Amino acid sequence: MRLAEGMTCMRRTALVIRVPEAESAVGGWCARLASDAVLGVPAHITVLFPFVASDEFDHDVRARLASALGSLAAFEFALVRTAWFGDDVLWLAPDDDRRIRTVISAAERAFPTLRPYGGAYDETIPHLTVGDRKPHSELVTAENDVTANLPIRCRVETVTLLEEQGDGKWQAAEEFPLGS
């Protein structure tokens, strides 16, 4: 898409907790079964999507986000079981999601006009998607394989800003550290 001079292309952004510890257990399945993985999105737990459009991500946004997240301590959790949204979304559940919910709440308080998933759901359930909207039999096969690799122990020290690129792929744009 070619833009007229002086125009910018608004790209979507997302705040996520990257979960690299899960890549060996779910990465292959996500690559085949998770719709966002083929777009470059790593194994993650969503904090806030959609977030601020990339062309609106300025010093003030960065400072508010850094302040909100910097006030939280780094933490650990474990992905301990599989769960489902309906019959077409397989995900991993943390053992205790209170700290993850605290991160989500901090982002929501800092940006009160933004709602997780655009406000489509009454509640935000912290989760790591393994696969979505693929044949149920494939998702069940993935579930059986992934279950054998649980629990997955994870440490959260940062929240990642992902930015959609012009080709529709996503990439990490910036890291925001949690406090120590």
C-alpha atoms as a PDB file:
ATOM      1  CA  MET A   1       0.000   0.000   0.000  1.00  0.00           C
ATOM      2  CA  ARG A   2       1.415   3.354  -0.981  1.00  0.00           C
ATOM      3  CA  LEU A   3       0.535   6.360   1.147  1.00  0.00           C
ATOM      4  CA  ALA A   4       0.355   9.978   0.123  1.00  0.00           C
ATOM      5  CA  GLU A   5       3.221  12.124   1.338  1.00  0.00           C
ATOM      6  CA  GLY A   6       2.856  13.026   4.998  1.00  0.00           C
ATOM      7  CA  MET A   7       0.464  10.158   5.770  1.00  0.00           C
ATOM      8  CA  THR A   8       1.385   7.326   8.088  1.00  0.00           C
ATOM      9  CA  CYS A   9       0.130   3.782   8.237  1.00  0.00           C
ATOM     10  CA  MET A  10      -1.467   2.947  11.578  1.00  0.00           C
ATOM     11  CA  ARG A  11      -0.135  -0.390  12.714  1.00  0.00           C
ATOM     12  CA  ARG A  12      -1.595  -2.363  15.561  1.00  0.00           C
ATOM     13  CA  THR A  13       0.380  -3.124  18.683  1.00  0.00           C
ATOM     14  CA  ALA A  14      -0.030  -5.584  21.539  1.00  0.00           C
ATOM     15  CA  LEU A  15       1.383  -5.929  25.034  1.00  0.00           C
ATOM     16  CA  VAL A  16       2.322  -9.510  25.844  1.00  0.00           C
ATOM     17  CA  ILE A  17       4.214 -11.586  28.345  1.00  0.00           C
ATOM     18  CA  ARG A  18       6.551 -13.659  26.228  1.00  0.00           C
ATOM     19  CA  VAL A  19       6.918 -17.236  27.462  1.00  0.00           C
ATOM     20  CA  PRO A  20      10.113 -18.578  25.888  1.00  0.00           C
ATOM     21  CA  GLU A  21      10.161 -21.450  28.381  1.00  0.00           C
ATOM     22  CA  ALA A  22       7.116 -22.887  26.589  1.00  0.00           C
ATOM     23  CA  GLU A  23       8.577 -22.799  23.070  1.00  0.00           C
ATOM     24  CA  SER A  24      10.107 -26.280  23.192  1.00  0.00           C
ATOM     25  CA  ALA A  25       6.840 -27.825  24.374  1.00  0.00           C
ATOM     26  CA  VAL A  26       4.340 -25.853  22.280  1.00  0.00           C
ATOM     27  CA  GLY A  27       6.287 -24.006  19.586  1.00  0.00           C
ATOM     28  CA  GLY A  28       5.821 -26.662  16.916  1.00  0.00           C
ATOM     29  CA  TRP A  29       2.138 -27.003  17.706  1.00  0.00           C
ATOM     30  CA  CYS A  30       1.615 -23.243  17.766  1.00  0.00           C
ATOM     31  CA  ALA A  31       3.363 -22.910  14.410  1.00  0.00           C
ATOM     32  CA  ARG A  32       0.852 -25.385  12.941  1.00  0.00           C
ATOM     33  CA  LEU A  33      -2.280 -24.567  14.910  1.00  0.00           C
ATOM     34  CA  ALA A  34      -2.195 -21.003  16.312  1.00  0.00           C
ATOM     35  CA  SER A  35      -3.357 -18.369  13.843  1.00  0.00           C
ATOM     36  CA  ASP A  36      -1.049 -15.673  15.206  1.00  0.00           C
ATOM     37  CA  ALA A  37       2.100 -17.834  15.309  1.00  0.00           C
ATOM     38  CA  VAL A  38       2.352 -17.896  11.510  1.00  0.00           C
ATOM     39  CA  LEU A  39       2.462 -14.099  11.733  1.00  0.00           C
ATOM     40  CA  GLY A  40       5.560 -14.178  13.937  1.00  0.00           C
ATOM     41  CA  VAL A  41       3.860 -13.936  17.329  1.00  0.00           C
ATOM     42  CA  PRO A  42       5.838 -15.971  19.900  1.00  0.00           C
ATOM     43  CA  ALA A  43       4.394 -18.111  22.699  1.00  0.00           C
ATOM     44  CA  HIS A  44       2.823 -15.528  24.988  1.00  0.00           C
ATOM     45  CA  ILE A  45       0.125 -14.462  27.392  1.00  0.00           C
ATOM     46  CA  THR A  46      -1.733 -11.368  26.216  1.00  0.00           C
ATOM     47  CA  VAL A  47      -1.694  -8.351  28.514  1.00  0.00           C
ATOM     48  CA  LEU A  48      -3.495  -5.827  26.326  1.00  0.00           C
ATOM     49  CA  PHE A  49      -4.576  -6.128  22.702  1.00  0.00           C
ATOM     50  CA  PRO A  50      -5.260  -4.027  20.821  1.00  0.00           C
ATOM     51  CA  PHE A  51      -2.910  -1.512  22.377  1.00  0.00           C
ATOM     52  CA  VAL A  52      -1.986   1.984  21.188  1.00  0.00           C
ATOM     53  CA  ALA A  53      -1.527   2.265  17.402  1.00  0.00           C
ATOM     54  CA  SER A  54       2.165   2.454  16.558  1.00  0.00           C
ATOM     55  CA  ASP A  55       1.942   6.006  15.203  1.00  0.00           C
ATOM     56  CA  GLU A  56       0.445   7.127  18.544  1.00  0.00           C
ATOM     57  CA  PHE A  57       3.087   5.385  20.644  1.00  0.00           C
ATOM     58  CA  ASP A  58       4.906   8.461  21.906  1.00  0.00           C
ATOM     59  CA  HIS A  59       6.998   9.503  24.911  1.00  0.00           C
ATOM     60  CA  ASP A  60       3.904   9.952  27.116  1.00  0.00           C
ATOM     61  CA  VAL A  61       2.577   6.458  26.314  1.00  0.00           C
ATOM     62  CA  ARG A  62       6.012   4.950  26.888  1.00  0.00           C
ATOM     63  CA  ALA A  63       6.390   6.777  30.237  1.00  0.00           C
ATOM     64  CA  ARG A  64       2.921   5.746  31.492  1.00  0.00           C
ATOM     65  CA  LEU A  65       3.555   2.143  30.535  1.00  0.00           C
ATOM     66  CA  ALA A  66       7.043   2.071  32.061  1.00  0.00           C
ATOM     67  CA  SER A  67       5.709   3.560  35.291  1.00  0.00           C
ATOM     68  CA  ALA A  68       2.783   1.130  35.536  1.00  0.00           C
ATOM     69  CA  LEU A  69       4.900  -1.951  34.869  1.00  0.00           C
ATOM     70  CA  GLY A  70       7.985  -0.798  36.749  1.00  0.00           C
ATOM     71  CA  SER A  71       5.953  -0.699  39.947  1.00  0.00           C
ATOM     72  CA  LEU A  72       5.356  -4.468  39.748  1.00  0.00           C
ATOM     73  CA  ALA A  73       7.810  -7.109  40.894  1.00  0.00           C
ATOM     74  CA  ALA A  74       9.144  -9.819  38.593  1.00  0.00           C
ATOM     75  CA  PHE A  75       7.532 -13.186  39.323  1.00  0.00           C
ATOM     76  CA  GLU A  76       7.349 -16.867  38.498  1.00  0.00           C
ATOM     77  CA  PHE A  77       4.475 -19.122  37.546  1.00  0.00           C
ATOM     78  CA  ALA A  78       3.959 -22.504  35.946  1.00  0.00           C
ATOM     79  CA  LEU A  79       1.756 -23.592  33.068  1.00  0.00           C
ATOM     80  CA  VAL A  80       0.140 -26.676  34.568  1.00  0.00           C
ATOM     81  CA  ARG A  81      -2.842 -27.816  32.521  1.00  0.00           C
ATOM     82  CA  THR A  82      -4.637 -27.526  29.235  1.00  0.00           C
ATOM     83  CA  ALA A  83      -8.052 -25.918  28.892  1.00  0.00           C
ATOM     84  CA  TRP A  84     -10.463 -24.988  26.122  1.00  0.00           C
ATOM     85  CA  PHE A  85     -12.507 -22.038  24.968  1.00  0.00           C
ATOM     86  CA  GLY A  86     -15.372 -23.915  23.336  1.00  0.00           C
ATOM     87  CA  ASP A  87     -14.188 -26.731  21.097  1.00  0.00           C
ATOM     88  CA  ASP A  88     -11.885 -24.700  18.906  1.00  0.00           C
ATOM     89  CA  VAL A  89      -9.297 -22.953  21.115  1.00  0.00           C
ATOM     90  CA  LEU A  90      -6.782 -25.030  23.086  1.00  0.00           C
ATOM     91  CA  TRP A  91      -4.745 -23.182  25.691  1.00  0.00           C
ATOM     92  CA  LEU A  92      -2.446 -23.617  28.645  1.00  0.00           C
ATOM     93  CA  ALA A  93      -3.475 -22.401  32.093  1.00  0.00           C
ATOM     94  CA  PRO A  94      -1.135 -21.062  34.765  1.00  0.00           C
ATOM     95  CA  ASP A  95      -1.093 -22.568  38.246  1.00  0.00           C
ATOM     96  CA  ASP A  96      -1.888 -19.187  39.776  1.00  0.00           C
ATOM     97  CA  ASP A  97      -2.898 -16.317  37.522  1.00  0.00           C
ATOM     98  CA  ARG A  98      -3.096 -13.579  40.185  1.00  0.00           C
ATOM     99  CA  ARG A  99       0.286 -12.018  39.307  1.00  0.00           C
ATOM    100  CA  ILE A 100      -0.524 -12.107  35.595  1.00  0.00           C
ATOM    101  CA  ARG A 101      -3.882 -10.466  36.308  1.00  0.00           C
ATOM    102  CA  THR A 102      -1.992  -7.795  38.274  1.00  0.00           C
ATOM    103  CA  VAL A 103       0.081  -7.008  35.169  1.00  0.00           C
ATOM    104  CA  ILE A 104      -3.085  -6.836  33.056  1.00  0.00           C
ATOM    105  CA  SER A 105      -4.799  -4.589  35.603  1.00  0.00           C
ATOM    106  CA  ALA A 106      -1.798  -2.256  35.778  1.00  0.00           C
ATOM    107  CA  ALA A 107      -1.890  -1.811  31.992  1.00  0.00           C
ATOM    108  CA  GLU A 108      -5.656  -1.246  32.060  1.00  0.00           C
ATOM    109  CA  ARG A 109      -5.349   1.381  34.818  1.00  0.00           C
ATOM    110  CA  ALA A 110      -2.611   3.199  32.893  1.00  0.00           C
ATOM    111  CA  PHE A 111      -4.739   3.150  29.715  1.00  0.00           C
ATOM    112  CA  PRO A 112      -8.368   3.105  30.901  1.00  0.00           C
ATOM    113  CA  THR A 113      -9.856   3.700  27.454  1.00  0.00           C
ATOM    114  CA  LEU A 114      -8.330   0.483  26.121  1.00  0.00           C
ATOM    115  CA  ARG A 115     -10.034  -2.833  26.823  1.00  0.00           C
ATOM    116  CA  PRO A 116      -8.493  -6.282  26.401  1.00  0.00           C
ATOM    117  CA  TYR A 117      -9.617  -7.790  23.108  1.00  0.00           C
ATOM    118  CA  GLY A 118     -11.502  -4.566  22.413  1.00  0.00           C
ATOM    119  CA  GLY A 119     -13.957  -5.357  25.222  1.00  0.00           C
ATOM    120  CA  ALA A 120     -15.262  -8.467  23.447  1.00  0.00           C
ATOM    121  CA  TYR A 121     -15.215 -10.541  26.652  1.00  0.00           C
ATOM    122  CA  ASP A 122     -16.546  -9.881  30.141  1.00  0.00           C
ATOM    123  CA  GLU A 123     -13.421 -11.328  31.732  1.00  0.00           C
ATOM    124  CA  THR A 124      -9.798 -11.607  30.684  1.00  0.00           C
ATOM    125  CA  ILE A 125      -8.532 -15.121  31.341  1.00  0.00           C
ATOM    126  CA  PRO A 126      -4.733 -15.315  31.323  1.00  0.00           C
ATOM    127  CA  HIS A 127      -3.746 -18.088  28.937  1.00  0.00           C
ATOM    128  CA  LEU A 128      -1.211 -19.250  26.373  1.00  0.00           C
ATOM    129  CA  THR A 129      -2.937 -20.299  23.149  1.00  0.00           C
ATOM    130  CA  VAL A 130      -1.656 -23.550  21.655  1.00  0.00           C
ATOM    131  CA  GLY A 131      -4.085 -23.680  18.731  1.00  0.00           C
ATOM    132  CA  ASP A 132      -7.250 -22.093  17.470  1.00  0.00           C
ATOM    133  CA  ARG A 133      -9.860 -22.690  14.795  1.00  0.00           C
ATOM    134  CA  LYS A 134      -8.244 -25.840  13.441  1.00  0.00           C
ATOM    135  CA  PRO A 135      -9.768 -29.304  13.203  1.00  0.00           C
ATOM    136  CA  HIS A 136     -10.682 -30.531  16.684  1.00  0.00           C
ATOM    137  CA  SER A 137      -8.832 -33.805  16.161  1.00  0.00           C
ATOM    138  CA  GLU A 138      -5.567 -31.909  15.537  1.00  0.00           C
ATOM    139  CA  LEU A 139      -6.091 -29.798  18.635  1.00  0.00           C
ATOM    140  CA  VAL A 140      -6.719 -32.938  20.735  1.00  0.00           C
ATOM    141  CA  THR A 141      -3.519 -34.510  19.393  1.00  0.00           C
ATOM    142  CA  ALA A 142      -1.640 -31.352  20.363  1.00  0.00           C
ATOM    143  CA  GLU A 143      -3.266 -31.406  23.806  1.00  0.00           C
ATOM    144  CA  ASN A 144      -2.125 -34.978  24.443  1.00  0.00           C
ATOM    145  CA  ASP A 145       1.427 -34.174  23.394  1.00  0.00           C
ATOM    146  CA  VAL A 146       1.688 -30.892  25.292  1.00  0.00           C
ATOM    147  CA  THR A 147       0.223 -32.399  28.484  1.00  0.00           C
ATOM    148  CA  ALA A 148       3.180 -34.776  28.658  1.00  0.00           C
ATOM    149  CA  ASN A 149       5.493 -31.731  28.924  1.00  0.00           C
ATOM    150  CA  LEU A 150       3.690 -30.023  31.802  1.00  0.00           C
ATOM    151  CA  PRO A 151       4.373 -28.274  34.070  1.00  0.00           C
ATOM    152  CA  ILE A 152       6.359 -25.551  32.331  1.00  0.00           C
ATOM    153  CA  ARG A 153       8.044 -23.209  34.811  1.00  0.00           C
ATOM    154  CA  CYS A 154       8.234 -19.577  33.720  1.00  0.00           C
ATOM    155  CA  ARG A 155       9.732 -16.321  34.941  1.00  0.00           C
ATOM    156  CA  VAL A 156       8.344 -12.895  34.024  1.00  0.00           C
ATOM    157  CA  GLU A 157      10.737  -9.955  34.112  1.00  0.00           C
ATOM    158  CA  THR A 158       9.429  -7.899  31.189  1.00  0.00           C
ATOM    159  CA  VAL A 159       6.349  -7.125  29.129  1.00  0.00           C
ATOM    160  CA  THR A 160       6.910  -6.959  25.381  1.00  0.00           C
ATOM    161  CA  LEU A 161       5.394  -4.491  22.953  1.00  0.00           C
ATOM    162  CA  LEU A 162       4.700  -6.327  19.685  1.00  0.00           C
ATOM    163  CA  GLU A 163       4.141  -4.274  16.551  1.00  0.00           C
ATOM    164  CA  GLU A 164       2.384  -5.336  13.381  1.00  0.00           C
ATOM    165  CA  GLN A 165       4.512  -4.748  10.308  1.00  0.00           C
ATOM    166  CA  GLY A 166       3.375  -3.615   6.888  1.00  0.00           C
ATOM    167  CA  ASP A 167       3.335  -7.225   5.660  1.00  0.00           C
ATOM    168  CA  GLY A 168       1.031  -8.331   8.502  1.00  0.00           C
ATOM    169  CA  LYS A 169       3.800 -10.048  10.460  1.00  0.00           C
ATOM    170  CA  TRP A 170       4.449  -9.107  14.078  1.00  0.00           C
ATOM    171  CA  GLN A 171       7.741  -8.413  15.769  1.00  0.00           C
ATOM    172  CA  ALA A 172       8.985  -7.315  19.162  1.00  0.00           C
ATOM    173  CA  ALA A 173       9.428  -3.549  19.228  1.00  0.00           C
ATOM    174  CA  GLU A 174      10.320  -2.842  22.846  1.00  0.00           C
ATOM    175  CA  GLU A 175      10.633  -4.460  26.277  1.00  0.00           C
ATOM    176  CA  PHE A 176       9.272  -2.899  29.474  1.00  0.00           C
ATOM    177  CA  PRO A 177      10.869  -4.269  32.628  1.00  0.00           C
ATOM    178  CA  LEU A 178       8.979  -5.101  35.761  1.00  0.00           C
ATOM    179  CA  GLY A 179      10.503  -3.864  39.003  1.00  0.00           C
ATOM    180  CA  SER A 180      12.825  -6.108  40.950  1.00  0.00           C
END
